[in-house]
Amino acid sequence: MSGPAVRLVGAGVDVSAAHDGVRPGLRNALHDVRRERSRRGGGTPLVRDVVPDQEARPGLVSLRRAGELLTESFLPAPVAQADADSYANLSAMIDEVTARP
């Protein structure tokens, strides 16, 4: 990331696109995550196993939302697509190699 753009380079890929930067929603979500970590004493992770029918706690929701907003802000569609394509190509190559006798 450099200035107002995000760039993905490697393995035959070179794509860049403008990002949206830190918007108020992202700033607030990050503040919520920091507040929850502080409330927990800083040492307790904000991660848990997903258990069906268990209500999500506020800190976990904030962490998830912050991640979603980071992705929306700093991973524009052209870069996200190039990344997904690169991962798919890598996965196919790994499958091919591991399928050999």
PDB file of N, CA and C in Angstrom:
ATOM      1  N   MET A   1       0.856  -1.154   0.000  1.00  0.00           N
ATOM      2  CA  MET A   1       0.000   0.000   0.000  1.00  0.00           C
ATOM      3  C   MET A   1       0.907   1.223   0.000  1.00  0.00           C
ATOM      4  N   SER A   2       0.624   2.127  -0.884  1.00  0.00           N
ATOM      5  CA  SER A   2       1.418   3.342  -0.996  1.00  0.00           C
ATOM      6  C   SER A   2       0.469   4.497  -1.281  1.00  0.00           C
ATOM      7  N   GLY A   3       0.413   5.442  -0.384  1.00  0.00           N
ATOM      8  CA  GLY A   3      -0.477   6.579  -0.579  1.00  0.00           C
ATOM      9  C   GLY A   3      -1.918   6.126  -0.704  1.00  0.00           C
ATOM     10  N   PRO A   4      -2.610   6.608  -1.733  1.00  0.00           N
ATOM     11  CA  PRO A   4      -4.034   6.285  -1.878  1.00  0.00           C
ATOM     12  C   PRO A   4      -4.309   5.014  -2.681  1.00  0.00           C
ATOM     13  N   ALA A   5      -3.294   4.160  -2.867  1.00  0.00           N
ATOM     14  CA  ALA A   5      -3.494   2.958  -3.676  1.00  0.00           C
ATOM     15  C   ALA A   5      -2.971   1.712  -2.968  1.00  0.00           C
ATOM     16  N   VAL A   6      -3.551   0.584  -3.341  1.00  0.00           N
ATOM     17  CA  VAL A   6      -3.107  -0.735  -2.877  1.00  0.00           C
ATOM     18  C   VAL A   6      -2.590  -1.459  -4.117  1.00  0.00           C
ATOM     19  N   ARG A   7      -1.438  -2.129  -3.989  1.00  0.00           N
ATOM     20  CA  ARG A   7      -0.848  -2.818  -5.132  1.00  0.00           C
ATOM     21  C   ARG A   7      -0.501  -4.246  -4.730  1.00  0.00           C
ATOM     22  N   LEU A   8      -0.838  -5.194  -5.601  1.00  0.00           N
ATOM     23  CA  LEU A   8      -0.503  -6.602  -5.420  1.00  0.00           C
ATOM     24  C   LEU A   8       0.425  -6.974  -6.572  1.00  0.00           C
ATOM     25  N   VAL A   9       1.628  -7.458  -6.236  1.00  0.00           N
ATOM     26  CA  VAL A   9       2.631  -7.799  -7.240  1.00  0.00           C
ATOM     27  C   VAL A   9       3.193  -9.172  -6.928  1.00  0.00           C
ATOM     28  N   GLY A  10       3.374  -9.985  -7.971  1.00  0.00           N
ATOM     29  CA  GLY A  10       4.021 -11.277  -7.805  1.00  0.00           C
ATOM     30  C   GLY A  10       3.381 -12.341  -8.657  1.00  0.00           C
ATOM     31  N   ALA A  11       4.174 -13.342  -9.022  1.00  0.00           N
ATOM     32  CA  ALA A  11       3.700 -14.508  -9.783  1.00  0.00           C
ATOM     33  C   ALA A  11       2.871 -14.100 -11.002  1.00  0.00           C
ATOM     34  N   GLY A  12       3.400 -13.152 -11.782  1.00  0.00           N
ATOM     35  CA  GLY A  12       2.700 -12.724 -12.984  1.00  0.00           C
ATOM     36  C   GLY A  12       1.550 -11.767 -12.740  1.00  0.00           C
ATOM     37  N   VAL A  13       1.417 -11.278 -11.526  1.00  0.00           N
ATOM     38  CA  VAL A  13       0.327 -10.365 -11.172  1.00  0.00           C
ATOM     39  C   VAL A  13       0.919  -9.006 -10.821  1.00  0.00           C
ATOM     40  N   ASP A  14       0.344  -7.979 -11.351  1.00  0.00           N
ATOM     41  CA  ASP A  14       0.704  -6.613 -10.969  1.00  0.00           C
ATOM     42  C   ASP A  14      -0.545  -5.766 -11.147  1.00  0.00           C
ATOM     43  N   VAL A  15      -1.269  -5.582 -10.073  1.00  0.00           N
ATOM     44  CA  VAL A  15      -2.529  -4.840 -10.130  1.00  0.00           C
ATOM     45  C   VAL A  15      -2.569  -3.852  -8.972  1.00  0.00           C
ATOM     46  N   SER A  16      -3.104  -2.683  -9.248  1.00  0.00           N
ATOM     47  CA  SER A  16      -3.271  -1.699  -8.182  1.00  0.00           C
ATOM     48  C   SER A  16      -4.613  -0.996  -8.354  1.00  0.00           C
ATOM     49  N   ALA A  17      -5.100  -0.443  -7.266  1.00  0.00           N
ATOM     50  CA  ALA A  17      -6.369   0.281  -7.284  1.00  0.00           C
ATOM     51  C   ALA A  17      -6.410   1.217  -6.080  1.00  0.00           C
ATOM     52  N   ALA A  18      -7.180   2.255  -6.211  1.00  0.00           N
ATOM     53  CA  ALA A  18      -7.339   3.209  -5.113  1.00  0.00           C
ATOM     54  C   ALA A  18      -8.085   2.565  -3.952  1.00  0.00           C
ATOM     55  N   HIS A  19      -7.714   2.944  -2.743  1.00  0.00           N
ATOM     56  CA  HIS A  19      -8.455   2.481  -1.571  1.00  0.00           C
ATOM     57  C   HIS A  19      -9.196   3.653  -0.951  1.00  0.00           C
ATOM     58  N   ASP A  20     -10.095   3.332  -0.027  1.00  0.00           N
ATOM     59  CA  ASP A  20     -10.945   4.353   0.582  1.00  0.00           C
ATOM     60  C   ASP A  20     -10.366   4.963   1.850  1.00  0.00           C
ATOM     61  N   GLY A  21      -9.279   4.423   2.348  1.00  0.00           N
ATOM     62  CA  GLY A  21      -8.683   4.960   3.566  1.00  0.00           C
ATOM     63  C   GLY A  21      -9.495   4.609   4.809  1.00  0.00           C
ATOM     64  N   VAL A  22      -9.161   5.271   5.887  1.00  0.00           N
ATOM     65  CA  VAL A  22      -9.834   5.017   7.162  1.00  0.00           C
ATOM     66  C   VAL A  22     -11.041   5.941   7.259  1.00  0.00           C
ATOM     67  N   ARG A  23     -12.213   5.349   7.147  1.00  0.00           N
ATOM     68  CA  ARG A  23     -13.460   6.103   7.235  1.00  0.00           C
ATOM     69  C   ARG A  23     -13.977   6.061   8.672  1.00  0.00           C
ATOM     70  N   PRO A  24     -14.956   6.889   8.994  1.00  0.00           N
ATOM     71  CA  PRO A  24     -15.455   6.936  10.382  1.00  0.00           C
ATOM     72  C   PRO A  24     -15.934   5.580  10.920  1.00  0.00           C
ATOM     73  N   GLY A  25     -16.606   4.775  10.112  1.00  0.00           N
ATOM     74  CA  GLY A  25     -17.087   3.478  10.590  1.00  0.00           C
ATOM     75  C   GLY A  25     -15.936   2.571  10.996  1.00  0.00           C
ATOM     76  N   LEU A  26     -14.870   2.562  10.209  1.00  0.00           N
ATOM     77  CA  LEU A  26     -13.693   1.755  10.541  1.00  0.00           C
ATOM     78  C   LEU A  26     -13.026   2.292  11.798  1.00  0.00           C
ATOM     79  N   ARG A  27     -12.887   3.592  11.890  1.00  0.00           N
ATOM     80  CA  ARG A  27     -12.276   4.208  13.079  1.00  0.00           C
ATOM     81  C   ARG A  27     -13.069   3.821  14.331  1.00  0.00           C
ATOM     82  N   ASN A  28     -14.398   3.862  14.248  1.00  0.00           N
ATOM     83  CA  ASN A  28     -15.238   3.505  15.399  1.00  0.00           C
ATOM     84  C   ASN A  28     -15.116   2.021  15.738  1.00  0.00           C
ATOM     85  N   ALA A  29     -15.078   1.163  14.726  1.00  0.00           N
ATOM     86  CA  ALA A  29     -14.959  -0.276  14.970  1.00  0.00           C
ATOM     87  C   ALA A  29     -13.630  -0.598  15.644  1.00  0.00           C
ATOM     88  N   LEU A  30     -12.548   0.048  15.189  1.00  0.00           N
ATOM     89  CA  LEU A  30     -11.246  -0.176  15.821  1.00  0.00           C
ATOM     90  C   LEU A  30     -11.236   0.331  17.258  1.00  0.00           C
ATOM     91  N   HIS A  31     -11.910   1.439  17.490  1.00  0.00           N
ATOM     92  CA  HIS A  31     -12.033   1.960  18.860  1.00  0.00           C
ATOM     93  C   HIS A  31     -12.783   0.949  19.739  1.00  0.00           C
ATOM     94  N   ASP A  32     -13.850   0.356  19.209  1.00  0.00           N
ATOM     95  CA  ASP A  32     -14.606  -0.647  19.968  1.00  0.00           C
ATOM     96  C   ASP A  32     -13.734  -1.853  20.312  1.00  0.00           C
ATOM     97  N   VAL A  33     -12.906  -2.292  19.371  1.00  0.00           N
ATOM     98  CA  VAL A  33     -12.022  -3.432  19.627  1.00  0.00           C
ATOM     99  C   VAL A  33     -11.022  -3.076  20.720  1.00  0.00           C
ATOM    100  N   ARG A  34     -10.409  -1.897  20.624  1.00  0.00           N
ATOM    101  CA  ARG A  34      -9.446  -1.473  21.662  1.00  0.00           C
ATOM    102  C   ARG A  34     -10.112  -1.386  23.024  1.00  0.00           C
ATOM    103  N   ARG A  35     -11.326  -0.833  23.057  1.00  0.00           N
ATOM    104  CA  ARG A  35     -12.054  -0.693  24.324  1.00  0.00           C
ATOM    105  C   ARG A  35     -12.346  -2.069  24.936  1.00  0.00           C
ATOM    106  N   GLU A  36     -12.761  -3.030  24.095  1.00  0.00           N
ATOM    107  CA  GLU A  36     -13.062  -4.365  24.595  1.00  0.00           C
ATOM    108  C   GLU A  36     -11.796  -5.056  25.099  1.00  0.00           C
ATOM    109  N   ARG A  37     -10.694  -4.896  24.387  1.00  0.00           N
ATOM    110  CA  ARG A  37      -9.427  -5.485  24.843  1.00  0.00           C
ATOM    111  C   ARG A  37      -9.003  -4.877  26.174  1.00  0.00           C
ATOM    112  N   SER A  38      -9.165  -3.581  26.299  1.00  0.00           N
ATOM    113  CA  SER A  38      -8.817  -2.900  27.539  1.00  0.00           C
ATOM    114  C   SER A  38      -9.709  -3.390  28.679  1.00  0.00           C
ATOM    115  N   ARG A  39     -10.990  -3.547  28.412  1.00  0.00           N
ATOM    116  CA  ARG A  39     -11.933  -4.026  29.418  1.00  0.00           C
ATOM    117  C   ARG A  39     -11.547  -5.413  29.902  1.00  0.00           C
ATOM    118  N   ARG A  40     -11.016  -6.241  29.007  1.00  0.00           N
ATOM    119  CA  ARG A  40     -10.621  -7.605  29.357  1.00  0.00           C
ATOM    120  C   ARG A  40      -9.229  -7.668  29.971  1.00  0.00           C
ATOM    121  N   GLY A  41      -8.543  -6.545  30.056  1.00  0.00           N
ATOM    122  CA  GLY A  41      -7.214  -6.539  30.638  1.00  0.00           C
ATOM    123  C   GLY A  41      -6.114  -6.707  29.602  1.00  0.00           C
ATOM    124  N   GLY A  42      -6.452  -6.707  28.349  1.00  0.00           N
ATOM    125  CA  GLY A  42      -5.454  -6.762  27.293  1.00  0.00           C
ATOM    126  C   GLY A  42      -4.880  -8.129  27.000  1.00  0.00           C
ATOM    127  N   GLY A  43      -4.977  -9.074  27.930  1.00  0.00           N
ATOM    128  CA  GLY A  43      -4.369 -10.376  27.715  1.00  0.00           C
ATOM    129  C   GLY A  43      -5.313 -11.440  27.191  1.00  0.00           C
ATOM    130  N   THR A  44      -6.601 -11.203  27.273  1.00  0.00           N
ATOM    131  CA  THR A  44      -7.581 -12.187  26.837  1.00  0.00           C
ATOM    132  C   THR A  44      -7.894 -11.984  25.366  1.00  0.00           C
ATOM    133  N   PRO A  45      -7.664 -12.997  24.533  1.00  0.00           N
ATOM    134  CA  PRO A  45      -7.942 -12.827  23.106  1.00  0.00           C
ATOM    135  C   PRO A  45      -9.431 -12.648  22.838  1.00  0.00           C
ATOM    136  N   LEU A  46      -9.719 -11.946  21.744  1.00  0.00           N
ATOM    137  CA  LEU A  46     -11.106 -11.713  21.350  1.00  0.00           C
ATOM    138  C   LEU A  46     -11.553 -12.765  20.344  1.00  0.00           C
ATOM    139  N   VAL A  47     -11.073 -13.972  20.497  1.00  0.00           N
ATOM    140  CA  VAL A  47     -11.389 -15.047  19.562  1.00  0.00           C
ATOM    141  C   VAL A  47     -11.961 -16.210  20.362  1.00  0.00           C
ATOM    142  N   ARG A  48     -12.920 -16.884  19.779  1.00  0.00           N
ATOM    143  CA  ARG A  48     -13.488 -18.070  20.408  1.00  0.00           C
ATOM    144  C   ARG A  48     -13.884 -19.041  19.317  1.00  0.00           C
ATOM    145  N   ASP A  49     -14.083 -20.279  19.685  1.00  0.00           N
ATOM    146  CA  ASP A  49     -14.610 -21.235  18.722  1.00  0.00           C
ATOM    147  C   ASP A  49     -16.055 -20.877  18.430  1.00  0.00           C
ATOM    148  N   VAL A  50     -16.454 -21.087  17.196  1.00  0.00           N
ATOM    149  CA  VAL A  50     -17.839 -20.809  16.830  1.00  0.00           C
ATOM    150  C   VAL A  50     -18.703 -21.952  17.344  1.00  0.00           C
ATOM    151  N   VAL A  51     -19.657 -21.620  18.169  1.00  0.00           N
ATOM    152  CA  VAL A  51     -20.553 -22.608  18.741  1.00  0.00           C
ATOM    153  C   VAL A  51     -21.965 -22.246  18.324  1.00  0.00           C
ATOM    154  N   PRO A  52     -22.666 -23.159  17.655  1.00  0.00           N
ATOM    155  CA  PRO A  52     -24.035 -22.856  17.238  1.00  0.00           C
ATOM    156  C   PRO A  52     -24.905 -22.457  18.428  1.00  0.00           C
ATOM    157  N   ASP A  53     -25.828 -21.577  18.179  1.00  0.00           N
ATOM    158  CA  ASP A  53     -26.805 -21.115  19.172  1.00  0.00           C
ATOM    159  C   ASP A  53     -26.177 -20.355  20.338  1.00  0.00           C
ATOM    160  N   GLN A  54     -24.929 -19.931  20.186  1.00  0.00           N
ATOM    161  CA  GLN A  54     -24.311 -19.128  21.237  1.00  0.00           C
ATOM    162  C   GLN A  54     -24.333 -17.675  20.790  1.00  0.00           C
ATOM    163  N   GLU A  55     -24.806 -16.813  21.658  1.00  0.00           N
ATOM    164  CA  GLU A  55     -24.905 -15.398  21.307  1.00  0.00           C
ATOM    165  C   GLU A  55     -23.503 -14.792  21.228  1.00  0.00           C
ATOM    166  N   ALA A  56     -23.268 -14.029  20.164  1.00  0.00           N
ATOM    167  CA  ALA A  56     -21.976 -13.376  19.993  1.00  0.00           C
ATOM    168  C   ALA A  56     -21.827 -12.268  21.030  1.00  0.00           C
ATOM    169  N   ARG A  57     -20.631 -12.165  21.595  1.00  0.00           N
ATOM    170  CA  ARG A  57     -20.366 -11.116  22.566  1.00  0.00           C
ATOM    171  C   ARG A  57     -19.966  -9.833  21.829  1.00  0.00           C
ATOM    172  N   PRO A  58     -20.184  -8.669  22.430  1.00  0.00           N
ATOM    173  CA  PRO A  58     -19.907  -7.397  21.757  1.00  0.00           C
ATOM    174  C   PRO A  58     -18.492  -7.275  21.213  1.00  0.00           C
ATOM    175  N   GLY A  59     -17.492  -7.694  21.960  1.00  0.00           N
ATOM    176  CA  GLY A  59     -16.108  -7.585  21.495  1.00  0.00           C
ATOM    177  C   GLY A  59     -15.849  -8.405  20.252  1.00  0.00           C
ATOM    178  N   LEU A  60     -16.473  -9.568  20.167  1.00  0.00           N
ATOM    179  CA  LEU A  60     -16.283 -10.427  19.002  1.00  0.00           C
ATOM    180  C   LEU A  60     -16.952  -9.822  17.775  1.00  0.00           C
ATOM    181  N   VAL A  61     -18.125  -9.249  17.982  1.00  0.00           N
ATOM    182  CA  VAL A  61     -18.827  -8.599  16.881  1.00  0.00           C
ATOM    183  C   VAL A  61     -18.001  -7.418  16.387  1.00  0.00           C
ATOM    184  N   SER A  62     -17.425  -6.634  17.300  1.00  0.00           N
ATOM    185  CA  SER A  62     -16.606  -5.486  16.924  1.00  0.00           C
ATOM    186  C   SER A  62     -15.383  -5.917  16.137  1.00  0.00           C
ATOM    187  N   LEU A  63     -14.742  -6.993  16.561  1.00  0.00           N
ATOM    188  CA  LEU A  63     -13.555  -7.484  15.874  1.00  0.00           C
ATOM    189  C   LEU A  63     -13.917  -7.942  14.461  1.00  0.00           C
ATOM    190  N   ARG A  64     -15.010  -8.667  14.332  1.00  0.00           N
ATOM    191  CA  ARG A  64     -15.457  -9.121  13.011  1.00  0.00           C
ATOM    192  C   ARG A  64     -15.786  -7.922  12.120  1.00  0.00           C
ATOM    193  N   ARG A  65     -16.511  -6.961  12.683  1.00  0.00           N
ATOM    194  CA  ARG A  65     -16.890  -5.779  11.893  1.00  0.00           C
ATOM    195  C   ARG A  65     -15.665  -4.974  11.486  1.00  0.00           C
ATOM    196  N   ALA A  66     -14.696  -4.836  12.378  1.00  0.00           N
ATOM    197  CA  ALA A  66     -13.471  -4.112  12.036  1.00  0.00           C
ATOM    198  C   ALA A  66     -12.756  -4.807  10.881  1.00  0.00           C
ATOM    199  N   GLY A  67     -12.710  -6.128  10.900  1.00  0.00           N
ATOM    200  CA  GLY A  67     -12.095  -6.869   9.804  1.00  0.00           C
ATOM    201  C   GLY A  67     -12.828  -6.668   8.483  1.00  0.00           C
ATOM    202  N   GLU A  68     -14.147  -6.683   8.547  1.00  0.00           N
ATOM    203  CA  GLU A  68     -14.945  -6.456   7.333  1.00  0.00           C
ATOM    204  C   GLU A  68     -14.698  -5.055   6.776  1.00  0.00           C
ATOM    205  N   LEU A  69     -14.663  -4.064   7.657  1.00  0.00           N
ATOM    206  CA  LEU A  69     -14.456  -2.690   7.211  1.00  0.00           C
ATOM    207  C   LEU A  69     -13.038  -2.475   6.687  1.00  0.00           C
ATOM    208  N   LEU A  70     -12.051  -3.134   7.306  1.00  0.00           N
ATOM    209  CA  LEU A  70     -10.680  -3.060   6.790  1.00  0.00           C
ATOM    210  C   LEU A  70     -10.616  -3.619   5.377  1.00  0.00           C
ATOM    211  N   THR A  71     -11.277  -4.751   5.166  1.00  0.00           N
ATOM    212  CA  THR A  71     -11.305  -5.364   3.841  1.00  0.00           C
ATOM    213  C   THR A  71     -11.979  -4.441   2.835  1.00  0.00           C
ATOM    214  N   GLU A  72     -13.130  -3.894   3.194  1.00  0.00           N
ATOM    215  CA  GLU A  72     -13.851  -2.994   2.290  1.00  0.00           C
ATOM    216  C   GLU A  72     -13.021  -1.748   1.966  1.00  0.00           C
ATOM    217  N   SER A  73     -12.300  -1.233   2.938  1.00  0.00           N
ATOM    218  CA  SER A  73     -11.554   0.005   2.755  1.00  0.00           C
ATOM    219  C   SER A  73     -10.241  -0.184   2.005  1.00  0.00           C
ATOM    220  N   PHE A  74      -9.526  -1.279   2.292  1.00  0.00           N
ATOM    221  CA  PHE A  74      -8.160  -1.410   1.794  1.00  0.00           C
ATOM    222  C   PHE A  74      -7.931  -2.571   0.832  1.00  0.00           C
ATOM    223  N   LEU A  75      -8.975  -3.259   0.417  1.00  0.00           N
ATOM    224  CA  LEU A  75      -8.825  -4.327  -0.559  1.00  0.00           C
ATOM    225  C   LEU A  75      -9.859  -4.123  -1.668  1.00  0.00           C
ATOM    226  N   PRO A  76      -9.587  -3.140  -2.569  1.00  0.00           N
ATOM    227  CA  PRO A  76     -10.539  -2.855  -3.639  1.00  0.00           C
ATOM    228  C   PRO A  76     -10.739  -4.059  -4.548  1.00  0.00           C
ATOM    229  N   ALA A  77     -11.860  -4.092  -5.221  1.00  0.00           N
ATOM    230  CA  ALA A  77     -12.267  -5.252  -6.025  1.00  0.00           C
ATOM    231  C   ALA A  77     -11.186  -5.772  -6.981  1.00  0.00           C
ATOM    232  N   PRO A  78     -10.496  -4.936  -7.759  1.00  0.00           N
ATOM    233  CA  PRO A  78      -9.487  -5.484  -8.673  1.00  0.00           C
ATOM    234  C   PRO A  78      -8.354  -6.208  -7.947  1.00  0.00           C
ATOM    235  N   VAL A  79      -7.947  -5.676  -6.806  1.00  0.00           N
ATOM    236  CA  VAL A  79      -6.868  -6.304  -6.035  1.00  0.00           C
ATOM    237  C   VAL A  79      -7.381  -7.588  -5.380  1.00  0.00           C
ATOM    238  N   ALA A  80      -8.584  -7.545  -4.837  1.00  0.00           N
ATOM    239  CA  ALA A  80      -9.172  -8.736  -4.215  1.00  0.00           C
ATOM    240  C   ALA A  80      -9.328  -9.859  -5.233  1.00  0.00           C
ATOM    241  N   GLN A  81      -9.757  -9.530  -6.455  1.00  0.00           N
ATOM    242  CA  GLN A  81      -9.934 -10.545  -7.497  1.00  0.00           C
ATOM    243  C   GLN A  81      -8.593 -11.148  -7.907  1.00  0.00           C
ATOM    244  N   ALA A  82      -7.574 -10.309  -8.067  1.00  0.00           N
ATOM    245  CA  ALA A  82      -6.244 -10.806  -8.426  1.00  0.00           C
ATOM    246  C   ALA A  82      -5.702 -11.711  -7.322  1.00  0.00           C
ATOM    247  N   ASP A  83      -5.942 -11.348  -6.073  1.00  0.00           N
ATOM    248  CA  ASP A  83      -5.504 -12.166  -4.945  1.00  0.00           C
ATOM    249  C   ASP A  83      -6.234 -13.507  -4.947  1.00  0.00           C
ATOM    250  N   ALA A  84      -7.531 -13.482  -5.163  1.00  0.00           N
ATOM    251  CA  ALA A  84      -8.321 -14.719  -5.200  1.00  0.00           C
ATOM    252  C   ALA A  84      -7.873 -15.608  -6.361  1.00  0.00           C
ATOM    253  N   ASP A  85      -7.605 -15.009  -7.525  1.00  0.00           N
ATOM    254  CA  ASP A  85      -7.141 -15.781  -8.681  1.00  0.00           C
ATOM    255  C   ASP A  85      -5.785 -16.419  -8.396  1.00  0.00           C
ATOM    256  N   SER A  86      -4.876 -15.657  -7.780  1.00  0.00           N
ATOM    257  CA  SER A  86      -3.552 -16.190  -7.445  1.00  0.00           C
ATOM    258  C   SER A  86      -3.678 -17.359  -6.475  1.00  0.00           C
ATOM    259  N   TYR A  87      -4.547 -17.218  -5.486  1.00  0.00           N
ATOM    260  CA  TYR A  87      -4.747 -18.298  -4.517  1.00  0.00           C
ATOM    261  C   TYR A  87      -5.327 -19.533  -5.202  1.00  0.00           C
ATOM    262  N   ALA A  88      -6.276 -19.337  -6.103  1.00  0.00           N
ATOM    263  CA  ALA A  88      -6.878 -20.466  -6.818  1.00  0.00           C
ATOM    264  C   ALA A  88      -5.829 -21.174  -7.673  1.00  0.00           C
ATOM    265  N   ASN A  89      -4.968 -20.411  -8.348  1.00  0.00           N
ATOM    266  CA  ASN A  89      -3.901 -21.014  -9.151  1.00  0.00           C
ATOM    267  C   ASN A  89      -2.933 -21.800  -8.275  1.00  0.00           C
ATOM    268  N   LEU A  90      -2.574 -21.237  -7.140  1.00  0.00           N
ATOM    269  CA  LEU A  90      -1.668 -21.922  -6.221  1.00  0.00           C
ATOM    270  C   LEU A  90      -2.300 -23.206  -5.701  1.00  0.00           C
ATOM    271  N   SER A  91      -3.565 -23.138  -5.335  1.00  0.00           N
ATOM    272  CA  SER A  91      -4.262 -24.330  -4.837  1.00  0.00           C
ATOM    273  C   SER A  91      -4.307 -25.420  -5.898  1.00  0.00           C
ATOM    274  N   ALA A  92      -4.550 -25.038  -7.147  1.00  0.00           N
ATOM    275  CA  ALA A  92      -4.587 -26.007  -8.231  1.00  0.00           C
ATOM    276  C   ALA A  92      -3.223 -26.667  -8.431  1.00  0.00           C
ATOM    277  N   MET A  93      -2.157 -25.852  -8.338  1.00  0.00           N
ATOM    278  CA  MET A  93      -0.807 -26.404  -8.483  1.00  0.00           C
ATOM    279  C   MET A  93      -0.491 -27.372  -7.344  1.00  0.00           C
ATOM    280  N   ILE A  94      -0.880 -27.029  -6.144  1.00  0.00           N
ATOM    281  CA  ILE A  94      -0.640 -27.909  -4.987  1.00  0.00           C
ATOM    282  C   ILE A  94      -1.414 -29.210  -5.167  1.00  0.00           C
ATOM    283  N   ASP A  95      -2.671 -29.109  -5.594  1.00  0.00           N
ATOM    284  CA  ASP A  95      -3.484 -30.319  -5.824  1.00  0.00           C
ATOM    285  C   ASP A  95      -2.824 -31.199  -6.886  1.00  0.00           C
ATOM    286  N   GLU A  96      -2.303 -30.596  -7.929  1.00  0.00           N
ATOM    287  CA  GLU A  96      -1.660 -31.352  -9.004  1.00  0.00           C
ATOM    288  C   GLU A  96      -0.414 -32.072  -8.494  1.00  0.00           C
ATOM    289  N   VAL A  97       0.391 -31.383  -7.726  1.00  0.00           N
ATOM    290  CA  VAL A  97       1.627 -31.973  -7.198  1.00  0.00           C
ATOM    291  C   VAL A  97       1.313 -33.083  -6.208  1.00  0.00           C
ATOM    292  N   THR A  98       0.359 -32.876  -5.338  1.00  0.00           N
ATOM    293  CA  THR A  98       0.064 -33.883  -4.313  1.00  0.00           C
ATOM    294  C   THR A  98      -0.685 -35.081  -4.900  1.00  0.00           C
ATOM    295  N   ALA A  99      -1.264 -34.950  -6.076  1.00  0.00           N
ATOM    296  CA  ALA A  99      -1.988 -36.056  -6.705  1.00  0.00           C
ATOM    297  C   ALA A  99      -1.049 -36.995  -7.473  1.00  0.00           C
ATOM    298  N   ARG A 100       0.177 -36.566  -7.695  1.00  0.00           N
ATOM    299  CA  ARG A 100       1.140 -37.397  -8.405  1.00  0.00           C
ATOM    300  C   ARG A 100       1.531 -38.601  -7.569  1.00  0.00           C
ATOM    301  N   PRO A 101       1.713 -39.748  -8.275  1.00  0.00           N
ATOM    302  CA  PRO A 101       2.109 -40.955  -7.512  1.00  0.00           C
ATOM    303  C   PRO A 101       3.518 -40.902  -7.002  1.00  0.00           C
TER     304      PRO A 101
END
